[in-house]
Amino acid sequence: MIVCSCNVIREKDIRDAARRGCPDAETAYRSLGCQFQCGGCEDHADDLVACERAKLLAPRDVRAA
């Protein structure tokens, strides 16, 4: 699914960037060679990064549930 139509960034791209260690959407965008344009995607992108980061930080037994 496309998260950012200005930069044509997919949800997978944001999630992958978060798994590589990007702490927020702005950093994830920069890692993809982009920056926010209209800002309409910023909240959703931040949520995606937070979700992936939470999965990485969760104890292994919680992730398996």
C-alpha atoms as a PDB file:
ATOM      1  CA  MET A   1       0.000   0.000   0.000  1.00  0.00           C
ATOM      2  CA  ILE A   2       1.259   3.499  -0.820  1.00  0.00           C
ATOM      3  CA  VAL A   3       1.734   5.613   2.314  1.00  0.00           C
ATOM      4  CA  CYS A   4       3.148   8.713   0.621  1.00  0.00           C
ATOM      5  CA  SER A   5       1.896   9.580  -2.847  1.00  0.00           C
ATOM      6  CA  CYS A   6       4.227  12.599  -3.118  1.00  0.00           C
ATOM      7  CA  ASN A   7       7.330  10.377  -2.827  1.00  0.00           C
ATOM      8  CA  VAL A   8       5.664   7.078  -3.815  1.00  0.00           C
ATOM      9  CA  ILE A   9       6.725   5.374  -0.589  1.00  0.00           C
ATOM     10  CA  ARG A  10       5.114   2.079   0.310  1.00  0.00           C
ATOM     11  CA  GLU A  11       4.154   0.853   3.763  1.00  0.00           C
ATOM     12  CA  LYS A  12       6.776  -1.893   3.361  1.00  0.00           C
ATOM     13  CA  ASP A  13       9.486   0.741   2.792  1.00  0.00           C
ATOM     14  CA  ILE A  14       8.610   2.538   6.041  1.00  0.00           C
ATOM     15  CA  ARG A  15       8.424  -0.704   8.028  1.00  0.00           C
ATOM     16  CA  ASP A  16      11.758  -1.894   6.614  1.00  0.00           C
ATOM     17  CA  ALA A  17      13.401   1.431   7.515  1.00  0.00           C
ATOM     18  CA  ALA A  18      12.088   1.130  11.077  1.00  0.00           C
ATOM     19  CA  ARG A  19      13.483  -2.401  11.333  1.00  0.00           C
ATOM     20  CA  ARG A  20      16.853  -1.061  10.163  1.00  0.00           C
ATOM     21  CA  GLY A  21      16.834   1.301  13.148  1.00  0.00           C
ATOM     22  CA  CYS A  22      15.153   4.518  12.006  1.00  0.00           C
ATOM     23  CA  PRO A  23      13.544   5.959  15.155  1.00  0.00           C
ATOM     24  CA  ASP A  24      10.896   8.093  13.438  1.00  0.00           C
ATOM     25  CA  ALA A  25       9.224   8.760  10.092  1.00  0.00           C
ATOM     26  CA  GLU A  26      11.440  11.715   9.216  1.00  0.00           C
ATOM     27  CA  THR A  27      14.560   9.586   9.595  1.00  0.00           C
ATOM     28  CA  ALA A  28      12.916   6.749   7.669  1.00  0.00           C
ATOM     29  CA  TYR A  29      12.139   9.115   4.793  1.00  0.00           C
ATOM     30  CA  ARG A  30      15.712  10.422   4.781  1.00  0.00           C
ATOM     31  CA  SER A  31      17.035   6.853   4.674  1.00  0.00           C
ATOM     32  CA  LEU A  32      14.961   6.406   1.515  1.00  0.00           C
ATOM     33  CA  GLY A  33      16.369   9.588  -0.017  1.00  0.00           C
ATOM     34  CA  CYS A  34      13.137  11.525   0.504  1.00  0.00           C
ATOM     35  CA  GLN A  35      11.582  14.148   2.739  1.00  0.00           C
ATOM     36  CA  PHE A  36       8.021  15.108   3.625  1.00  0.00           C
ATOM     37  CA  GLN A  37       6.330  17.165   0.940  1.00  0.00           C
ATOM     38  CA  CYS A  38       2.677  17.925   1.752  1.00  0.00           C
ATOM     39  CA  GLY A  39       2.815  16.283   5.209  1.00  0.00           C
ATOM     40  CA  GLY A  40      -0.425  14.354   4.734  1.00  0.00           C
ATOM     41  CA  CYS A  41       1.331  11.039   5.369  1.00  0.00           C
ATOM     42  CA  GLU A  42       3.429  12.080   8.361  1.00  0.00           C
ATOM     43  CA  ASP A  43       1.125  10.820  11.132  1.00  0.00           C
ATOM     44  CA  HIS A  44       0.512   7.474   9.425  1.00  0.00           C
ATOM     45  CA  ALA A  45       4.229   7.019   8.715  1.00  0.00           C
ATOM     46  CA  ASP A  46       5.057   7.835  12.363  1.00  0.00           C
ATOM     47  CA  ASP A  47       2.501   5.226  13.476  1.00  0.00           C
ATOM     48  CA  LEU A  48       4.050   2.590  11.202  1.00  0.00           C
ATOM     49  CA  VAL A  49       7.542   3.282  12.537  1.00  0.00           C
ATOM     50  CA  ALA A  50       6.307   3.194  16.140  1.00  0.00           C
ATOM     51  CA  CYS A  51       4.530  -0.113  15.520  1.00  0.00           C
ATOM     52  CA  GLU A  52       7.618  -1.750  14.024  1.00  0.00           C
ATOM     53  CA  ARG A  53       9.903  -0.365  16.731  1.00  0.00           C
ATOM     54  CA  ALA A  54       7.536  -1.695  19.422  1.00  0.00           C
ATOM     55  CA  LYS A  55       7.678  -5.153  17.822  1.00  0.00           C
ATOM     56  CA  LEU A  56      11.476  -5.066  17.885  1.00  0.00           C
ATOM     57  CA  LEU A  57      11.591  -3.985  21.521  1.00  0.00           C
ATOM     58  CA  ALA A  58       8.920  -6.413  22.758  1.00  0.00           C
ATOM     59  CA  PRO A  59      10.091  -9.469  24.676  1.00  0.00           C
ATOM     60  CA  ARG A  60      10.296 -12.555  22.455  1.00  0.00           C
ATOM     61  CA  ASP A  61       7.403 -14.337  24.247  1.00  0.00           C
ATOM     62  CA  VAL A  62       5.093 -11.356  23.593  1.00  0.00           C
ATOM     63  CA  ARG A  63       5.984 -11.305  19.878  1.00  0.00           C
ATOM     64  CA  ALA A  64       5.105 -14.995  19.544  1.00  0.00           C
ATOM     65  CA  ALA A  65       1.593 -14.504  20.949  1.00  0.00           C
END
